[in-house]
PDB file of all heavy atoms in Angstrom:
ATOM      1  N   ASP A   1       7.494  -1.067 -24.222  1.00  0.00           N
ATOM      2  CA  ASP A   1       6.168  -1.585 -23.912  1.00  0.00           C
ATOM      3  C   ASP A   1       5.744  -1.430 -22.459  1.00  0.00           C
ATOM      4  O   ASP A   1       4.584  -1.691 -22.126  1.00  0.00           O
ATOM      5  CB  ASP A   1       6.088  -3.072 -24.305  1.00  0.00           C
ATOM      6  CG  ASP A   1       7.142  -3.921 -23.598  1.00  0.00           C
ATOM      7  OD1 ASP A   1       8.120  -3.355 -23.061  1.00  0.00           O
ATOM      8  OD2 ASP A   1       6.986  -5.163 -23.590  1.00  0.00           O
ATOM      9  N   ARG A   2       6.691  -1.015 -21.589  1.00  0.00           N
ATOM     10  CA  ARG A   2       6.368  -0.904 -20.173  1.00  0.00           C
ATOM     11  C   ARG A   2       7.370   0.036 -19.521  1.00  0.00           C
ATOM     12  O   ARG A   2       8.418   0.356 -20.123  1.00  0.00           O
ATOM     13  CB  ARG A   2       6.375  -2.283 -19.510  1.00  0.00           C
ATOM     14  CG  ARG A   2       7.735  -2.954 -19.450  1.00  0.00           C
ATOM     15  CD  ARG A   2       7.573  -4.423 -19.086  1.00  0.00           C
ATOM     16  NE  ARG A   2       8.813  -5.040 -18.629  1.00  0.00           N
ATOM     17  CZ  ARG A   2       9.770  -5.477 -19.430  1.00  0.00           C
ATOM     18  NH1 ARG A   2       9.610  -5.360 -20.762  1.00  0.00           N
ATOM     19  NH2 ARG A   2      10.855  -6.040 -18.923  1.00  0.00           N
ATOM     20  N   PRO A   3       7.113   0.472 -18.282  1.00  0.00           N
ATOM     21  CA  PRO A   3       8.010   1.438 -17.649  1.00  0.00           C
ATOM     22  C   PRO A   3       9.460   0.997 -17.585  1.00  0.00           C
ATOM     23  O   PRO A   3      10.373   1.813 -17.784  1.00  0.00           O
ATOM     24  CB  PRO A   3       7.407   1.603 -16.249  1.00  0.00           C
ATOM     25  CG  PRO A   3       5.940   1.329 -16.444  1.00  0.00           C
ATOM     26  CD  PRO A   3       5.873   0.253 -17.491  1.00  0.00           C
ATOM     27  N   ALA A   4       9.712  -0.285 -17.307  1.00  0.00           N
ATOM     28  CA  ALA A   4      11.102  -0.757 -17.211  1.00  0.00           C
ATOM     29  C   ALA A   4      11.845  -0.571 -18.529  1.00  0.00           C
ATOM     30  O   ALA A   4      13.039  -0.234 -18.541  1.00  0.00           O
ATOM     31  CB  ALA A   4      11.120  -2.224 -16.789  1.00  0.00           C
ATOM     32  N   ALA A   5      11.162  -0.798 -19.648  1.00  0.00           N
ATOM     33  CA  ALA A   5      11.780  -0.596 -20.965  1.00  0.00           C
ATOM     34  C   ALA A   5      12.040   0.884 -21.208  1.00  0.00           C
ATOM     35  O   ALA A   5      13.100   1.267 -21.709  1.00  0.00           O
ATOM     36  CB  ALA A   5      10.891  -1.173 -22.057  1.00  0.00           C
ATOM     37  N   ALA A   6      11.060   1.736 -20.865  1.00  0.00           N
ATOM     38  CA  ALA A   6      11.229   3.178 -21.053  1.00  0.00           C
ATOM     39  C   ALA A   6      12.393   3.709 -20.229  1.00  0.00           C
ATOM     40  O   ALA A   6      13.168   4.558 -20.687  1.00  0.00           O
ATOM     41  CB  ALA A   6       9.936   3.901 -20.699  1.00  0.00           C
ATOM     42  N   LYS A   7      12.545   3.229 -18.985  1.00  0.00           N
ATOM     43  CA  LYS A   7      13.649   3.651 -18.133  1.00  0.00           C
ATOM     44  C   LYS A   7      15.000   3.228 -18.710  1.00  0.00           C
ATOM     45  O   LYS A   7      16.009   3.916 -18.530  1.00  0.00           O
ATOM     46  CB  LYS A   7      13.481   3.055 -16.735  1.00  0.00           C
ATOM     47  CG  LYS A   7      12.346   3.664 -15.925  1.00  0.00           C
ATOM     48  CD  LYS A   7      12.234   2.977 -14.568  1.00  0.00           C
ATOM     49  CE  LYS A   7      11.059   3.548 -13.758  1.00  0.00           C
ATOM     50  NZ  LYS A   7      10.905   2.864 -12.446  1.00  0.00           N
ATOM     51  N   ALA A   8      15.014   2.095 -19.401  1.00  0.00           N
ATOM     52  CA  ALA A   8      16.270   1.563 -19.934  1.00  0.00           C
ATOM     53  C   ALA A   8      16.763   2.311 -21.164  1.00  0.00           C
ATOM     54  O   ALA A   8      17.969   2.347 -21.429  1.00  0.00           O
ATOM     55  CB  ALA A   8      16.105   0.081 -20.262  1.00  0.00           C
ATOM     56  N   VAL A   9      15.852   2.895 -21.936  1.00  0.00           N
ATOM     57  CA  VAL A   9      16.217   3.486 -23.224  1.00  0.00           C
ATOM     58  C   VAL A   9      17.341   4.516 -23.119  1.00  0.00           C
ATOM     59  O   VAL A   9      18.326   4.443 -23.875  1.00  0.00           O
ATOM     60  CB  VAL A   9      14.975   4.082 -23.930  1.00  0.00           C
ATOM     61  CG1 VAL A   9      15.400   4.968 -25.115  1.00  0.00           C
ATOM     62  CG2 VAL A   9      14.064   2.971 -24.414  1.00  0.00           C
ATOM     63  N   PRO A  10      17.286   5.516 -22.211  1.00  0.00           N
ATOM     64  CA  PRO A  10      18.397   6.472 -22.154  1.00  0.00           C
ATOM     65  C   PRO A  10      19.730   5.825 -21.786  1.00  0.00           C
ATOM     66  O   PRO A  10      20.785   6.271 -22.249  1.00  0.00           O
ATOM     67  CB  PRO A  10      17.944   7.491 -21.101  1.00  0.00           C
ATOM     68  CG  PRO A  10      16.848   6.830 -20.348  1.00  0.00           C
ATOM     69  CD  PRO A  10      16.185   5.902 -21.298  1.00  0.00           C
ATOM     70  N   HIS A  11      19.695   4.771 -20.970  1.00  0.00           N
ATOM     71  CA  HIS A  11      20.929   4.069 -20.629  1.00  0.00           C
ATOM     72  C   HIS A  11      21.484   3.308 -21.839  1.00  0.00           C
ATOM     73  O   HIS A  11      22.704   3.228 -22.031  1.00  0.00           O
ATOM     74  CB  HIS A  11      20.678   3.118 -19.462  1.00  0.00           C
ATOM     75  CG  HIS A  11      20.212   3.803 -18.204  1.00  0.00           C
ATOM     76  ND1 HIS A  11      21.033   4.637 -17.465  1.00  0.00           N
ATOM     77  CD2 HIS A  11      19.004   3.796 -17.582  1.00  0.00           C
ATOM     78  CE1 HIS A  11      20.347   5.113 -16.430  1.00  0.00           C
ATOM     79  NE2 HIS A  11      19.117   4.616 -16.483  1.00  0.00           N
ATOM     80  N   ILE A  12      20.582   2.759 -22.650  1.00  0.00           N
ATOM     81  CA  ILE A  12      20.996   2.094 -23.887  1.00  0.00           C
ATOM     82  C   ILE A  12      21.664   3.103 -24.814  1.00  0.00           C
ATOM     83  O   ILE A  12      22.729   2.836 -25.387  1.00  0.00           O
ATOM     84  CB  ILE A  12      19.783   1.431 -24.568  1.00  0.00           C
ATOM     85  CG1 ILE A  12      19.261   0.275 -23.704  1.00  0.00           C
ATOM     86  CG2 ILE A  12      20.129   0.950 -25.973  1.00  0.00           C
ATOM     87  CD1 ILE A  12      17.907  -0.251 -24.139  1.00  0.00           C
ATOM     88  N   ARG A  13      21.051   4.272 -24.942  1.00  0.00           N
ATOM     89  CA  ARG A  13      21.617   5.323 -25.787  1.00  0.00           C
ATOM     90  C   ARG A  13      23.012   5.746 -25.287  1.00  0.00           C
ATOM     91  O   ARG A  13      23.932   5.894 -26.084  1.00  0.00           O
ATOM     92  CB  ARG A  13      20.680   6.521 -25.809  1.00  0.00           C
ATOM     93  CG  ARG A  13      21.106   7.712 -26.661  1.00  0.00           C
ATOM     94  CD  ARG A  13      21.007   7.471 -28.126  1.00  0.00           C
ATOM     95  NE  ARG A  13      22.231   6.857 -28.673  1.00  0.00           N
ATOM     96  CZ  ARG A  13      22.293   6.270 -29.856  1.00  0.00           C
ATOM     97  NH1 ARG A  13      21.194   6.220 -30.615  1.00  0.00           N
ATOM     98  NH2 ARG A  13      23.438   5.735 -30.277  1.00  0.00           N
ATOM     99  N   ASP A  14      23.131   5.932 -23.987  1.00  0.00           N
ATOM    100  CA  ASP A  14      24.414   6.349 -23.422  1.00  0.00           C
ATOM    101  C   ASP A  14      25.495   5.305 -23.673  1.00  0.00           C
ATOM    102  O   ASP A  14      26.630   5.640 -24.036  1.00  0.00           O
ATOM    103  CB  ASP A  14      24.277   6.602 -21.919  1.00  0.00           C
ATOM    104  CG  ASP A  14      23.472   7.851 -21.597  1.00  0.00           C
ATOM    105  OD1 ASP A  14      23.273   8.694 -22.502  1.00  0.00           O
ATOM    106  OD2 ASP A  14      23.028   7.977 -20.429  1.00  0.00           O
ATOM    107  N   GLU A  15      25.158   4.028 -23.473  1.00  0.00           N
ATOM    108  CA  GLU A  15      26.148   2.974 -23.641  1.00  0.00           C
ATOM    109  C   GLU A  15      26.554   2.836 -25.110  1.00  0.00           C
ATOM    110  O   GLU A  15      27.732   2.606 -25.426  1.00  0.00           O
ATOM    111  CB  GLU A  15      25.602   1.650 -23.119  1.00  0.00           C
ATOM    112  CG  GLU A  15      26.593   0.493 -23.164  1.00  0.00           C
ATOM    113  CD  GLU A  15      27.864   0.759 -22.381  1.00  0.00           C
ATOM    114  OE1 GLU A  15      27.800   1.441 -21.346  1.00  0.00           O
ATOM    115  OE2 GLU A  15      28.939   0.289 -22.824  1.00  0.00           O
ATOM    116  N   LEU A  16      25.601   2.980 -26.021  1.00  0.00           N
ATOM    117  CA  LEU A  16      25.935   2.930 -27.445  1.00  0.00           C
ATOM    118  C   LEU A  16      26.879   4.076 -27.811  1.00  0.00           C
ATOM    119  O   LEU A  16      27.831   3.893 -28.558  1.00  0.00           O
ATOM    120  CB  LEU A  16      24.656   3.004 -28.289  1.00  0.00           C
ATOM    121  CG  LEU A  16      23.782   1.751 -28.290  1.00  0.00           C
ATOM    122  CD1 LEU A  16      22.427   2.056 -28.934  1.00  0.00           C
ATOM    123  CD2 LEU A  16      24.460   0.605 -29.033  1.00  0.00           C
ATOM    124  N   ASP A  17      26.606   5.265 -27.275  1.00  0.00           N
ATOM    125  CA  ASP A  17      27.477   6.411 -27.537  1.00  0.00           C
ATOM    126  C   ASP A  17      28.890   6.151 -27.024  1.00  0.00           C
ATOM    127  O   ASP A  17      29.884   6.508 -27.681  1.00  0.00           O
ATOM    128  CB  ASP A  17      26.900   7.672 -26.898  1.00  0.00           C
ATOM    129  CG  ASP A  17      25.616   8.142 -27.571  1.00  0.00           C
ATOM    130  OD1 ASP A  17      25.355   7.735 -28.725  1.00  0.00           O
ATOM    131  OD2 ASP A  17      24.864   8.914 -26.929  1.00  0.00           O
ATOM    132  N   LYS A  18      29.004   5.536 -25.855  1.00  0.00           N
ATOM    133  CA  LYS A  18      30.321   5.207 -25.310  1.00  0.00           C
ATOM    134  C   LYS A  18      31.081   4.245 -26.224  1.00  0.00           C
ATOM    135  O   LYS A  18      32.301   4.295 -26.313  1.00  0.00           O
ATOM    136  CB  LYS A  18      30.181   4.593 -23.916  1.00  0.00           C
ATOM    137  CG  LYS A  18      29.722   5.571 -22.844  1.00  0.00           C
ATOM    138  CD  LYS A  18      29.532   4.860 -21.513  1.00  0.00           C
ATOM    139  CE  LYS A  18      28.986   5.813 -20.448  1.00  0.00           C
ATOM    140  NZ  LYS A  18      28.721   5.114 -19.156  1.00  0.00           N
ATOM    141  N   ARG A  19      30.352   3.365 -26.901  1.00  0.00           N
ATOM    142  CA  ARG A  19      30.975   2.400 -27.805  1.00  0.00           C
ATOM    143  C   ARG A  19      31.197   2.964 -29.207  1.00  0.00           C
ATOM    144  O   ARG A  19      31.683   2.264 -30.095  1.00  0.00           O
ATOM    145  CB  ARG A  19      30.132   1.134 -27.903  1.00  0.00           C
ATOM    146  CG  ARG A  19      29.952   0.389 -26.592  1.00  0.00           C
ATOM    147  CD  ARG A  19      29.231  -0.937 -26.810  1.00  0.00           C
ATOM    148  NE  ARG A  19      28.882  -1.606 -25.567  1.00  0.00           N
ATOM    149  CZ  ARG A  19      28.346  -2.825 -25.487  1.00  0.00           C
ATOM    150  NH1 ARG A  19      28.110  -3.510 -26.603  1.00  0.00           N
ATOM    151  NH2 ARG A  19      28.054  -3.369 -24.302  1.00  0.00           N
ATOM    152  N   GLY A  20      30.818   4.212 -29.419  1.00  0.00           N
ATOM    153  CA  GLY A  20      30.981   4.827 -30.733  1.00  0.00           C
ATOM    154  C   GLY A  20      29.954   4.393 -31.746  1.00  0.00           C
ATOM    155  O   GLY A  20      30.178   4.507 -32.953  1.00  0.00           O
ATOM    156  N   ILE A  21      28.794   3.924 -31.269  1.00  0.00           N
ATOM    157  CA  ILE A  21      27.701   3.485 -32.148  1.00  0.00           C
ATOM    158  C   ILE A  21      26.650   4.577 -32.156  1.00  0.00           C
ATOM    159  O   ILE A  21      25.867   4.725 -31.212  1.00  0.00           O
ATOM    160  CB  ILE A  21      27.090   2.153 -31.668  1.00  0.00           C
ATOM    161  CG1 ILE A  21      28.165   1.098 -31.413  1.00  0.00           C
ATOM    162  CG2 ILE A  21      26.054   1.671 -32.667  1.00  0.00           C
ATOM    163  CD1 ILE A  21      28.924   0.678 -32.621  1.00  0.00           C
ATOM    164  N   ASP A  22      26.609   5.378 -33.230  1.00  0.00           N
ATOM    165  CA  ASP A  22      25.708   6.535 -33.264  1.00  0.00           C
ATOM    166  C   ASP A  22      24.410   6.257 -34.007  1.00  0.00           C
ATOM    167  O   ASP A  22      23.695   7.177 -34.391  1.00  0.00           O
ATOM    168  CB  ASP A  22      26.407   7.744 -33.884  1.00  0.00           C
ATOM    169  CG  ASP A  22      26.830   7.518 -35.333  1.00  0.00           C
ATOM    170  OD1 ASP A  22      26.696   6.377 -35.832  1.00  0.00           O
ATOM    171  OD2 ASP A  22      27.291   8.489 -35.972  1.00  0.00           O
ATOM    172  N   ILE A  23      24.070   4.990 -34.202  1.00  0.00           N
ATOM    173  CA  ILE A  23      22.872   4.634 -34.949  1.00  0.00           C
ATOM    174  C   ILE A  23      21.624   5.152 -34.237  1.00  0.00           C
ATOM    175  O   ILE A  23      21.490   5.030 -33.013  1.00  0.00           O
ATOM    176  CB  ILE A  23      22.801   3.105 -35.144  1.00  0.00           C
ATOM    177  CG1 ILE A  23      21.694   2.738 -36.127  1.00  0.00           C
ATOM    178  CG2 ILE A  23      22.600   2.384 -33.816  1.00  0.00           C
ATOM    179  CD1 ILE A  23      21.772   1.284 -36.600  1.00  0.00           C
ATOM    180  N   PRO A  24      20.673   5.774 -34.962  1.00  0.00           N
ATOM    181  CA  PRO A  24      19.445   6.253 -34.324  1.00  0.00           C
ATOM    182  C   PRO A  24      18.581   5.101 -33.807  1.00  0.00           C
ATOM    183  O   PRO A  24      18.464   4.062 -34.458  1.00  0.00           O
ATOM    184  CB  PRO A  24      18.732   7.005 -35.460  1.00  0.00           C
ATOM    185  CG  PRO A  24      19.809   7.334 -36.447  1.00  0.00           C
ATOM    186  CD  PRO A  24      20.769   6.193 -36.375  1.00  0.00           C
ATOM    187  N   LEU A  25      17.967   5.311 -32.642  1.00  0.00           N
ATOM    188  CA  LEU A  25      17.050   4.350 -32.058  1.00  0.00           C
ATOM    189  C   LEU A  25      15.618   4.815 -32.269  1.00  0.00           C
ATOM    190  O   LEU A  25      15.292   5.983 -32.068  1.00  0.00           O
ATOM    191  CB  LEU A  25      17.312   4.189 -30.564  1.00  0.00           C
ATOM    192  CG  LEU A  25      18.652   3.581 -30.138  1.00  0.00           C
ATOM    193  CD1 LEU A  25      18.741   3.539 -28.620  1.00  0.00           C
ATOM    194  CD2 LEU A  25      18.840   2.197 -30.728  1.00  0.00           C
ATOM    195  N   ILE A  26      14.767   3.885 -32.666  1.00  0.00           N
ATOM    196  CA  ILE A  26      13.346   4.157 -32.869  1.00  0.00           C
ATOM    197  C   ILE A  26      12.564   3.434 -31.783  1.00  0.00           C
ATOM    198  O   ILE A  26      12.773   2.242 -31.546  1.00  0.00           O
ATOM    199  CB  ILE A  26      12.890   3.676 -34.259  1.00  0.00           C
ATOM    200  CG1 ILE A  26      13.690   4.380 -35.354  1.00  0.00           C
ATOM    201  CG2 ILE A  26      11.395   3.909 -34.450  1.00  0.00           C
ATOM    202  CD1 ILE A  26      13.541   3.734 -36.712  1.00  0.00           C
ATOM    203  N   GLY A  27      11.660   4.133 -31.140  1.00  0.00           N
ATOM    204  CA  GLY A  27      10.831   3.519 -30.122  1.00  0.00           C
ATOM    205  C   GLY A  27       9.557   2.955 -30.719  1.00  0.00           C
ATOM    206  O   GLY A  27       8.824   3.659 -31.423  1.00  0.00           O
ATOM    207  N   ASP A  28       9.271   1.691 -30.440  1.00  0.00           N
ATOM    208  CA  ASP A  28       8.070   1.012 -30.926  1.00  0.00           C
ATOM    209  C   ASP A  28       7.034   1.022 -29.810  1.00  0.00           C
ATOM    210  O   ASP A  28       7.191   0.333 -28.800  1.00  0.00           O
ATOM    211  CB  ASP A  28       8.415  -0.422 -31.334  1.00  0.00           C
ATOM    212  CG  ASP A  28       7.282  -1.105 -32.064  1.00  0.00           C
ATOM    213  OD1 ASP A  28       6.939  -0.682 -33.156  1.00  0.00           O
ATOM    214  OD2 ASP A  28       6.729  -2.083 -31.531  1.00  0.00           O
ATOM    215  N   PHE A  29       5.951   1.798 -29.985  1.00  0.00           N
ATOM    216  CA  PHE A  29       4.972   2.022 -28.933  1.00  0.00           C
ATOM    217  C   PHE A  29       3.618   1.415 -29.272  1.00  0.00           C
ATOM    218  O   PHE A  29       3.156   1.500 -30.413  1.00  0.00           O
ATOM    219  CB  PHE A  29       4.788   3.519 -28.681  1.00  0.00           C
ATOM    220  CG  PHE A  29       5.995   4.189 -28.095  1.00  0.00           C
ATOM    221  CD1 PHE A  29       6.865   4.905 -28.902  1.00  0.00           C
ATOM    222  CD2 PHE A  29       6.269   4.106 -26.741  1.00  0.00           C
ATOM    223  CE1 PHE A  29       7.976   5.533 -28.369  1.00  0.00           C
ATOM    224  CE2 PHE A  29       7.383   4.728 -26.204  1.00  0.00           C
ATOM    225  CZ  PHE A  29       8.236   5.439 -27.013  1.00  0.00           C
TER     226      PHE A  29
END
């Protein structure tokens, strides 16, 4: 919903990958 959330998304994806969680993320815009 805002720039701070958009900036966080790739870091969320990276951290999930590190934990072995490959679930797809959907962005709600």
